[in-house]
Amino acid sequence: MQRYIADYAWILIIAGICVYNELVDLYKSEEAKNIMRKLLGVMTIYIVFVNLFSGIVSEKSYMMQNSTNEYYKLKYTIDFWE
């Protein structure tokens, strides 16, 4: 699965960078630009968190077999859209 995500992820990253730069350029005030920078930081930390712990939430993981309740709590925290 990770292999297929890497096939198109770079396109989405470039698109996200372009959109972010356009939004920062659109805002004139420094306060709005600071909010955008903070929002980018929060989103980056969230993405790193999800990527680090996504291996824990795999269907064949050690955590699912030995600690089912904690597995599902973490799974639905990370995969909140399911």
PDB file of N, CA and C in Angstrom:
ATOM      1  N   MET A   1       0.825  -1.200   0.000  1.00  0.00           N
ATOM      2  CA  MET A   1       0.000   0.000   0.000  1.00  0.00           C
ATOM      3  C   MET A   1       0.868   1.262   0.000  1.00  0.00           C
ATOM      4  N   GLN A   2       1.914   1.283   0.840  1.00  0.00           N
ATOM      5  CA  GLN A   2       2.789   2.457   0.900  1.00  0.00           C
ATOM      6  C   GLN A   2       3.445   2.723  -0.441  1.00  0.00           C
ATOM      7  N   ARG A   3       3.736   1.665  -1.159  1.00  0.00           N
ATOM      8  CA  ARG A   3       4.384   1.834  -2.462  1.00  0.00           C
ATOM      9  C   ARG A   3       3.482   2.619  -3.420  1.00  0.00           C
ATOM     10  N   TYR A   4       2.210   2.318  -3.419  1.00  0.00           N
ATOM     11  CA  TYR A   4       1.282   2.982  -4.323  1.00  0.00           C
ATOM     12  C   TYR A   4       1.005   4.425  -3.909  1.00  0.00           C
ATOM     13  N   ILE A   5       1.046   4.683  -2.612  1.00  0.00           N
ATOM     14  CA  ILE A   5       0.866   6.056  -2.133  1.00  0.00           C
ATOM     15  C   ILE A   5       2.024   6.925  -2.595  1.00  0.00           C
ATOM     16  N   ALA A   6       3.228   6.378  -2.576  1.00  0.00           N
ATOM     17  CA  ALA A   6       4.411   7.136  -2.990  1.00  0.00           C
ATOM     18  C   ALA A   6       4.374   7.496  -4.468  1.00  0.00           C
ATOM     19  N   ASP A   7       3.595   6.778  -5.261  1.00  0.00           N
ATOM     20  CA  ASP A   7       3.511   7.071  -6.692  1.00  0.00           C
ATOM     21  C   ASP A   7       2.891   8.436  -6.983  1.00  0.00           C
ATOM     22  N   TYR A   8       1.940   8.856  -6.179  1.00  0.00           N
ATOM     23  CA  TYR A   8       1.287  10.138  -6.437  1.00  0.00           C
ATOM     24  C   TYR A   8       1.413  11.141  -5.294  1.00  0.00           C
ATOM     25  N   ALA A   9       2.042  10.769  -4.210  1.00  0.00           N
ATOM     26  CA  ALA A   9       2.150  11.667  -3.053  1.00  0.00           C
ATOM     27  C   ALA A   9       2.942  12.926  -3.381  1.00  0.00           C
ATOM     28  N   TRP A  10       3.975  12.822  -4.198  1.00  0.00           N
ATOM     29  CA  TRP A  10       4.796  13.992  -4.512  1.00  0.00           C
ATOM     30  C   TRP A  10       3.983  15.057  -5.246  1.00  0.00           C
ATOM     31  N   ILE A  11       3.022  14.647  -6.038  1.00  0.00           N
ATOM     32  CA  ILE A  11       2.179  15.616  -6.752  1.00  0.00           C
ATOM     33  C   ILE A  11       1.318  16.384  -5.746  1.00  0.00           C
ATOM     34  N   LEU A  12       0.768  15.666  -4.779  1.00  0.00           N
ATOM     35  CA  LEU A  12      -0.049  16.315  -3.757  1.00  0.00           C
ATOM     36  C   LEU A  12       0.774  17.232  -2.873  1.00  0.00           C
ATOM     37  N   ILE A  13       2.014  16.851  -2.588  1.00  0.00           N
ATOM     38  CA  ILE A  13       2.897  17.703  -1.785  1.00  0.00           C
ATOM     39  C   ILE A  13       3.194  19.001  -2.522  1.00  0.00           C
ATOM     40  N   ILE A  14       3.517  18.906  -3.797  1.00  0.00           N
ATOM     41  CA  ILE A  14       3.793  20.117  -4.591  1.00  0.00           C
ATOM     42  C   ILE A  14       2.550  20.997  -4.666  1.00  0.00           C
ATOM     43  N   ALA A  15       1.386  20.393  -4.865  1.00  0.00           N
ATOM     44  CA  ALA A  15       0.138  21.164  -4.915  1.00  0.00           C
ATOM     45  C   ALA A  15      -0.132  21.844  -3.572  1.00  0.00           C
ATOM     46  N   GLY A  16       0.108  21.144  -2.482  1.00  0.00           N
ATOM     47  CA  GLY A  16      -0.095  21.730  -1.161  1.00  0.00           C
ATOM     48  C   GLY A  16       0.834  22.894  -0.888  1.00  0.00           C
ATOM     49  N   ILE A  17       2.087  22.769  -1.305  1.00  0.00           N
ATOM     50  CA  ILE A  17       3.049  23.862  -1.134  1.00  0.00           C
ATOM     51  C   ILE A  17       2.624  25.077  -1.948  1.00  0.00           C
ATOM     52  N   CYS A  18       2.168  24.846  -3.173  1.00  0.00           N
ATOM     53  CA  CYS A  18       1.716  25.965  -4.018  1.00  0.00           C
ATOM     54  C   CYS A  18       0.505  26.668  -3.415  1.00  0.00           C
ATOM     55  N   VAL A  19      -0.457  25.900  -2.928  1.00  0.00           N
ATOM     56  CA  VAL A  19      -1.655  26.493  -2.316  1.00  0.00           C
ATOM     57  C   VAL A  19      -1.275  27.274  -1.064  1.00  0.00           C
ATOM     58  N   TYR A  20      -0.398  26.699  -0.231  1.00  0.00           N
ATOM     59  CA  TYR A  20       0.036  27.390   0.984  1.00  0.00           C
ATOM     60  C   TYR A  20       0.722  28.709   0.648  1.00  0.00           C
ATOM     61  N   ASN A  21       1.620  28.699  -0.323  1.00  0.00           N
ATOM     62  CA  ASN A  21       2.317  29.932  -0.705  1.00  0.00           C
ATOM     63  C   ASN A  21       1.362  30.984  -1.245  1.00  0.00           C
ATOM     64  N   GLU A  22       0.381  30.561  -2.009  1.00  0.00           N
ATOM     65  CA  GLU A  22      -0.602  31.510  -2.531  1.00  0.00           C
ATOM     66  C   GLU A  22      -1.440  32.106  -1.402  1.00  0.00           C
ATOM     67  N   LEU A  23      -1.818  31.284  -0.438  1.00  0.00           N
ATOM     68  CA  LEU A  23      -2.601  31.804   0.696  1.00  0.00           C
ATOM     69  C   LEU A  23      -1.792  32.793   1.530  1.00  0.00           C
ATOM     70  N   VAL A  24      -0.515  32.498   1.750  1.00  0.00           N
ATOM     71  CA  VAL A  24       0.327  33.418   2.515  1.00  0.00           C
ATOM     72  C   VAL A  24       0.501  34.728   1.753  1.00  0.00           C
ATOM     73  N   ASP A  25       0.673  34.650   0.438  1.00  0.00           N
ATOM     74  CA  ASP A  25       0.805  35.869  -0.368  1.00  0.00           C
ATOM     75  C   ASP A  25      -0.493  36.660  -0.431  1.00  0.00           C
ATOM     76  N   LEU A  26      -1.625  35.969  -0.328  1.00  0.00           N
ATOM     77  CA  LEU A  26      -2.929  36.627  -0.403  1.00  0.00           C
ATOM     78  C   LEU A  26      -3.168  37.531   0.798  1.00  0.00           C
ATOM     79  N   TYR A  27      -2.731  37.081   1.972  1.00  0.00           N
ATOM     80  CA  TYR A  27      -2.935  37.866   3.182  1.00  0.00           C
ATOM     81  C   TYR A  27      -1.888  38.956   3.297  1.00  0.00           C
ATOM     82  N   LYS A  28      -2.336  40.165   3.611  1.00  0.00           N
ATOM     83  CA  LYS A  28      -1.429  41.312   3.703  1.00  0.00           C
ATOM     84  C   LYS A  28      -0.898  41.522   5.118  1.00  0.00           C
ATOM     85  N   SER A  29      -1.723  41.224   6.114  1.00  0.00           N
ATOM     86  CA  SER A  29      -1.315  41.511   7.491  1.00  0.00           C
ATOM     87  C   SER A  29      -0.371  40.422   8.017  1.00  0.00           C
ATOM     88  N   GLU A  30       0.524  40.838   8.877  1.00  0.00           N
ATOM     89  CA  GLU A  30       1.468  39.895   9.481  1.00  0.00           C
ATOM     90  C   GLU A  30       0.753  38.943  10.440  1.00  0.00           C
ATOM     91  N   GLU A  31      -0.335  39.404  11.054  1.00  0.00           N
ATOM     92  CA  GLU A  31      -1.084  38.545  11.975  1.00  0.00           C
ATOM     93  C   GLU A  31      -1.658  37.339  11.233  1.00  0.00           C
ATOM     94  N   ALA A  32      -2.237  37.584  10.060  1.00  0.00           N
ATOM     95  CA  ALA A  32      -2.795  36.486   9.268  1.00  0.00           C
ATOM     96  C   ALA A  32      -1.693  35.543   8.802  1.00  0.00           C
ATOM     97  N   LYS A  33      -0.543  36.091   8.429  1.00  0.00           N
ATOM     98  CA  LYS A  33       0.572  35.241   7.999  1.00  0.00           C
ATOM     99  C   LYS A  33       1.095  34.399   9.156  1.00  0.00           C
ATOM    100  N   ASN A  34       1.125  34.976  10.364  1.00  0.00           N
ATOM    101  CA  ASN A  34       1.555  34.211  11.536  1.00  0.00           C
ATOM    102  C   ASN A  34       0.585  33.077  11.843  1.00  0.00           C
ATOM    103  N   ILE A  35      -0.708  33.332  11.681  1.00  0.00           N
ATOM    104  CA  ILE A  35      -1.704  32.287  11.889  1.00  0.00           C
ATOM    105  C   ILE A  35      -1.508  31.162  10.880  1.00  0.00           C
ATOM    106  N   MET A  36      -1.231  31.518   9.639  1.00  0.00           N
ATOM    107  CA  MET A  36      -0.979  30.503   8.612  1.00  0.00           C
ATOM    108  C   MET A  36       0.260  29.684   8.948  1.00  0.00           C
ATOM    109  N   ARG A  37       1.298  30.329   9.430  1.00  0.00           N
ATOM    110  CA  ARG A  37       2.529  29.602   9.804  1.00  0.00           C
ATOM    111  C   ARG A  37       2.269  28.656  10.973  1.00  0.00           C
ATOM    112  N   LYS A  38       1.493  29.112  11.955  1.00  0.00           N
ATOM    113  CA  LYS A  38       1.169  28.251  13.091  1.00  0.00           C
ATOM    114  C   LYS A  38       0.303  27.078  12.654  1.00  0.00           C
ATOM    115  N   LEU A  39      -0.650  27.338  11.763  1.00  0.00           N
ATOM    116  CA  LEU A  39      -1.497  26.286  11.241  1.00  0.00           C
ATOM    117  C   LEU A  39      -0.663  25.253  10.479  1.00  0.00           C
ATOM    118  N   LEU A  40       0.301  25.719   9.702  1.00  0.00           N
ATOM    119  CA  LEU A  40       1.191  24.807   8.990  1.00  0.00           C
ATOM    120  C   LEU A  40       1.985  23.953   9.978  1.00  0.00           C
ATOM    121  N   GLY A  41       2.452  24.544  11.053  1.00  0.00           N
ATOM    122  CA  GLY A  41       3.187  23.795  12.069  1.00  0.00           C
ATOM    123  C   GLY A  41       2.336  22.721  12.719  1.00  0.00           C
ATOM    124  N   VAL A  42       1.111  23.066  13.072  1.00  0.00           N
ATOM    125  CA  VAL A  42       0.203  22.099  13.693  1.00  0.00           C
ATOM    126  C   VAL A  42      -0.100  20.958  12.719  1.00  0.00           C
ATOM    127  N   MET A  43      -0.372  21.287  11.469  1.00  0.00           N
ATOM    128  CA  MET A  43      -0.658  20.253  10.483  1.00  0.00           C
ATOM    129  C   MET A  43       0.555  19.354  10.257  1.00  0.00           C
ATOM    130  N   THR A  44       1.750  19.931  10.256  1.00  0.00           N
ATOM    131  CA  THR A  44       2.961  19.138  10.075  1.00  0.00           C
ATOM    132  C   THR A  44       3.157  18.165  11.222  1.00  0.00           C
ATOM    133  N   ILE A  45       2.960  18.635  12.453  1.00  0.00           N
ATOM    134  CA  ILE A  45       3.089  17.756  13.614  1.00  0.00           C
ATOM    135  C   ILE A  45       2.053  16.641  13.558  1.00  0.00           C
ATOM    136  N   TYR A  46       0.837  16.967  13.179  1.00  0.00           N
ATOM    137  CA  TYR A  46      -0.208  15.953  13.060  1.00  0.00           C
ATOM    138  C   TYR A  46       0.155  14.906  12.009  1.00  0.00           C
ATOM    139  N   ILE A  47       0.640  15.338  10.862  1.00  0.00           N
ATOM    140  CA  ILE A  47       1.005  14.412   9.789  1.00  0.00           C
ATOM    141  C   ILE A  47       2.144  13.497  10.226  1.00  0.00           C
ATOM    142  N   VAL A  48       3.137  14.059  10.905  1.00  0.00           N
ATOM    143  CA  VAL A  48       4.245  13.241  11.398  1.00  0.00           C
ATOM    144  C   VAL A  48       3.719  12.221  12.408  1.00  0.00           C
ATOM    145  N   PHE A  49       2.844  12.651  13.313  1.00  0.00           N
ATOM    146  CA  PHE A  49       2.250  11.748  14.299  1.00  0.00           C
ATOM    147  C   PHE A  49       1.512  10.604  13.620  1.00  0.00           C
ATOM    148  N   VAL A  50       0.676  10.916  12.650  1.00  0.00           N
ATOM    149  CA  VAL A  50      -0.097   9.881  11.964  1.00  0.00           C
ATOM    150  C   VAL A  50       0.830   8.932  11.215  1.00  0.00           C
ATOM    151  N   ASN A  51       1.857   9.452  10.559  1.00  0.00           N
ATOM    152  CA  ASN A  51       2.771   8.580   9.832  1.00  0.00           C
ATOM    153  C   ASN A  51       3.591   7.694  10.755  1.00  0.00           C
ATOM    154  N   LEU A  52       4.010   8.213  11.888  1.00  0.00           N
ATOM    155  CA  LEU A  52       4.783   7.402  12.824  1.00  0.00           C
ATOM    156  C   LEU A  52       3.956   6.269  13.408  1.00  0.00           C
ATOM    157  N   PHE A  53       2.705   6.544  13.721  1.00  0.00           N
ATOM    158  CA  PHE A  53       1.878   5.549  14.380  1.00  0.00           C
ATOM    159  C   PHE A  53       0.986   4.760  13.429  1.00  0.00           C
ATOM    160  N   SER A  54       1.069   5.012  12.149  1.00  0.00           N
ATOM    161  CA  SER A  54       0.220   4.264  11.215  1.00  0.00           C
ATOM    162  C   SER A  54       0.620   2.796  11.147  1.00  0.00           C
ATOM    163  N   GLY A  55       1.882   2.491  11.395  1.00  0.00           N
ATOM    164  CA  GLY A  55       2.315   1.106  11.423  1.00  0.00           C
ATOM    165  C   GLY A  55       1.731   0.337  12.581  1.00  0.00           C
ATOM    166  N   ILE A  56       1.452   1.021  13.674  1.00  0.00           N
ATOM    167  CA  ILE A  56       0.856   0.369  14.841  1.00  0.00           C
ATOM    168  C   ILE A  56      -0.575  -0.053  14.544  1.00  0.00           C
ATOM    169  N   VAL A  57      -1.235   0.684  13.680  1.00  0.00           N
ATOM    170  CA  VAL A  57      -2.651   0.467  13.425  1.00  0.00           C
ATOM    171  C   VAL A  57      -2.859  -0.380  12.177  1.00  0.00           C
ATOM    172  N   SER A  58      -1.948  -1.270  11.893  1.00  0.00           N
ATOM    173  CA  SER A  58      -2.139  -2.178  10.758  1.00  0.00           C
ATOM    174  C   SER A  58      -2.962  -3.376  11.220  1.00  0.00           C
ATOM    175  N   GLU A  59      -3.583  -4.046  10.304  1.00  0.00           N
ATOM    176  CA  GLU A  59      -4.485  -5.145  10.649  1.00  0.00           C
ATOM    177  C   GLU A  59      -3.750  -6.342  11.247  1.00  0.00           C
ATOM    178  N   LYS A  60      -2.479  -6.516  10.934  1.00  0.00           N
ATOM    179  CA  LYS A  60      -1.737  -7.673  11.439  1.00  0.00           C
ATOM    180  C   LYS A  60      -0.753  -7.272  12.527  1.00  0.00           C
ATOM    181  N   SER A  61      -1.054  -6.264  13.250  1.00  0.00           N
ATOM    182  CA  SER A  61      -0.086  -5.747  14.208  1.00  0.00           C
ATOM    183  C   SER A  61      -0.107  -6.515  15.519  1.00  0.00           C
ATOM    184  N   TYR A  62       0.985  -6.406  16.199  1.00  0.00           N
ATOM    185  CA  TYR A  62       1.157  -7.008  17.518  1.00  0.00           C
ATOM    186  C   TYR A  62       0.177  -6.394  18.513  1.00  0.00           C
ATOM    187  N   MET A  63      -0.037  -5.098  18.396  1.00  0.00           N
ATOM    188  CA  MET A  63      -0.921  -4.397  19.335  1.00  0.00           C
ATOM    189  C   MET A  63      -2.353  -4.899  19.220  1.00  0.00           C
ATOM    190  N   MET A  64      -2.818  -5.172  18.005  1.00  0.00           N
ATOM    191  CA  MET A  64      -4.196  -5.634  17.828  1.00  0.00           C
ATOM    192  C   MET A  64      -4.396  -7.008  18.466  1.00  0.00           C
ATOM    193  N   GLN A  65      -3.398  -7.855  18.374  1.00  0.00           N
ATOM    194  CA  GLN A  65      -3.524  -9.206  18.907  1.00  0.00           C
ATOM    195  C   GLN A  65      -3.449  -9.233  20.430  1.00  0.00           C
ATOM    196  N   ASN A  66      -2.649  -8.368  21.015  1.00  0.00           N
ATOM    197  CA  ASN A  66      -2.403  -8.454  22.451  1.00  0.00           C
ATOM    198  C   ASN A  66      -3.094  -7.394  23.292  1.00  0.00           C
ATOM    199  N   SER A  67      -3.541  -6.309  22.668  1.00  0.00           N
ATOM    200  CA  SER A  67      -4.165  -5.228  23.419  1.00  0.00           C
ATOM    201  C   SER A  67      -5.284  -4.613  22.581  1.00  0.00           C
ATOM    202  N   THR A  68      -6.346  -5.353  22.442  1.00  0.00           N
ATOM    203  CA  THR A  68      -7.414  -4.997  21.505  1.00  0.00           C
ATOM    204  C   THR A  68      -8.073  -3.661  21.826  1.00  0.00           C
ATOM    205  N   ASN A  69      -8.387  -3.405  23.085  1.00  0.00           N
ATOM    206  CA  ASN A  69      -9.066  -2.155  23.431  1.00  0.00           C
ATOM    207  C   ASN A  69      -8.214  -0.936  23.101  1.00  0.00           C
ATOM    208  N   GLU A  70      -6.935  -0.980  23.483  1.00  0.00           N
ATOM    209  CA  GLU A  70      -6.045   0.148  23.194  1.00  0.00           C
ATOM    210  C   GLU A  70      -5.828   0.304  21.697  1.00  0.00           C
ATOM    211  N   TYR A  71      -5.780  -0.833  20.993  1.00  0.00           N
ATOM    212  CA  TYR A  71      -5.627  -0.791  19.536  1.00  0.00           C
ATOM    213  C   TYR A  71      -6.760   0.000  18.902  1.00  0.00           C
ATOM    214  N   TYR A  72      -8.001  -0.311  19.258  1.00  0.00           N
ATOM    215  CA  TYR A  72      -9.132   0.378  18.636  1.00  0.00           C
ATOM    216  C   TYR A  72      -9.243   1.828  19.083  1.00  0.00           C
ATOM    217  N   LYS A  73      -8.859   2.136  20.303  1.00  0.00           N
ATOM    218  CA  LYS A  73      -8.841   3.538  20.728  1.00  0.00           C
ATOM    219  C   LYS A  73      -7.869   4.342  19.874  1.00  0.00           C
ATOM    220  N   LEU A  74      -6.661   3.802  19.698  1.00  0.00           N
ATOM    221  CA  LEU A  74      -5.664   4.484  18.876  1.00  0.00           C
ATOM    222  C   LEU A  74      -6.080   4.518  17.418  1.00  0.00           C
ATOM    223  N   LYS A  75      -6.639   3.433  16.926  1.00  0.00           N
ATOM    224  CA  LYS A  75      -7.071   3.359  15.526  1.00  0.00           C
ATOM    225  C   LYS A  75      -8.102   4.439  15.209  1.00  0.00           C
ATOM    226  N   TYR A  76      -9.086   4.593  16.062  1.00  0.00           N
ATOM    227  CA  TYR A  76     -10.127   5.576  15.779  1.00  0.00           C
ATOM    228  C   TYR A  76      -9.702   7.007  16.115  1.00  0.00           C
ATOM    229  N   THR A  77      -8.626   7.155  16.876  1.00  0.00           N
ATOM    230  CA  THR A  77      -8.062   8.491  17.082  1.00  0.00           C
ATOM    231  C   THR A  77      -7.333   8.938  15.819  1.00  0.00           C
ATOM    232  N   ILE A  78      -6.577   8.021  15.230  1.00  0.00           N
ATOM    233  CA  ILE A  78      -5.806   8.358  14.028  1.00  0.00           C
ATOM    234  C   ILE A  78      -6.706   8.340  12.797  1.00  0.00           C
ATOM    235  N   ASP A  79      -7.490   7.269  12.649  1.00  0.00           N
ATOM    236  CA  ASP A  79      -8.380   7.129  11.488  1.00  0.00           C
ATOM    237  C   ASP A  79      -9.775   7.581  11.861  1.00  0.00           C
ATOM    238  N   PHE A  80      -9.932   8.848  12.198  1.00  0.00           N
ATOM    239  CA  PHE A  80     -11.205   9.350  12.692  1.00  0.00           C
ATOM    240  C   PHE A  80     -12.302   9.357  11.638  1.00  0.00           C
ATOM    241  N   TRP A  81     -11.957   9.229  10.377  1.00  0.00           N
ATOM    242  CA  TRP A  81     -12.949   9.267   9.306  1.00  0.00           C
ATOM    243  C   TRP A  81     -13.654   7.920   9.127  1.00  0.00           C
ATOM    244  N   GLU A  82     -13.160   6.871   9.758  1.00  0.00           N
ATOM    245  CA  GLU A  82     -13.802   5.549   9.598  1.00  0.00           C
ATOM    246  C   GLU A  82     -14.968   5.397  10.534  1.00  0.00           C
TER     247      GLU A  82
END
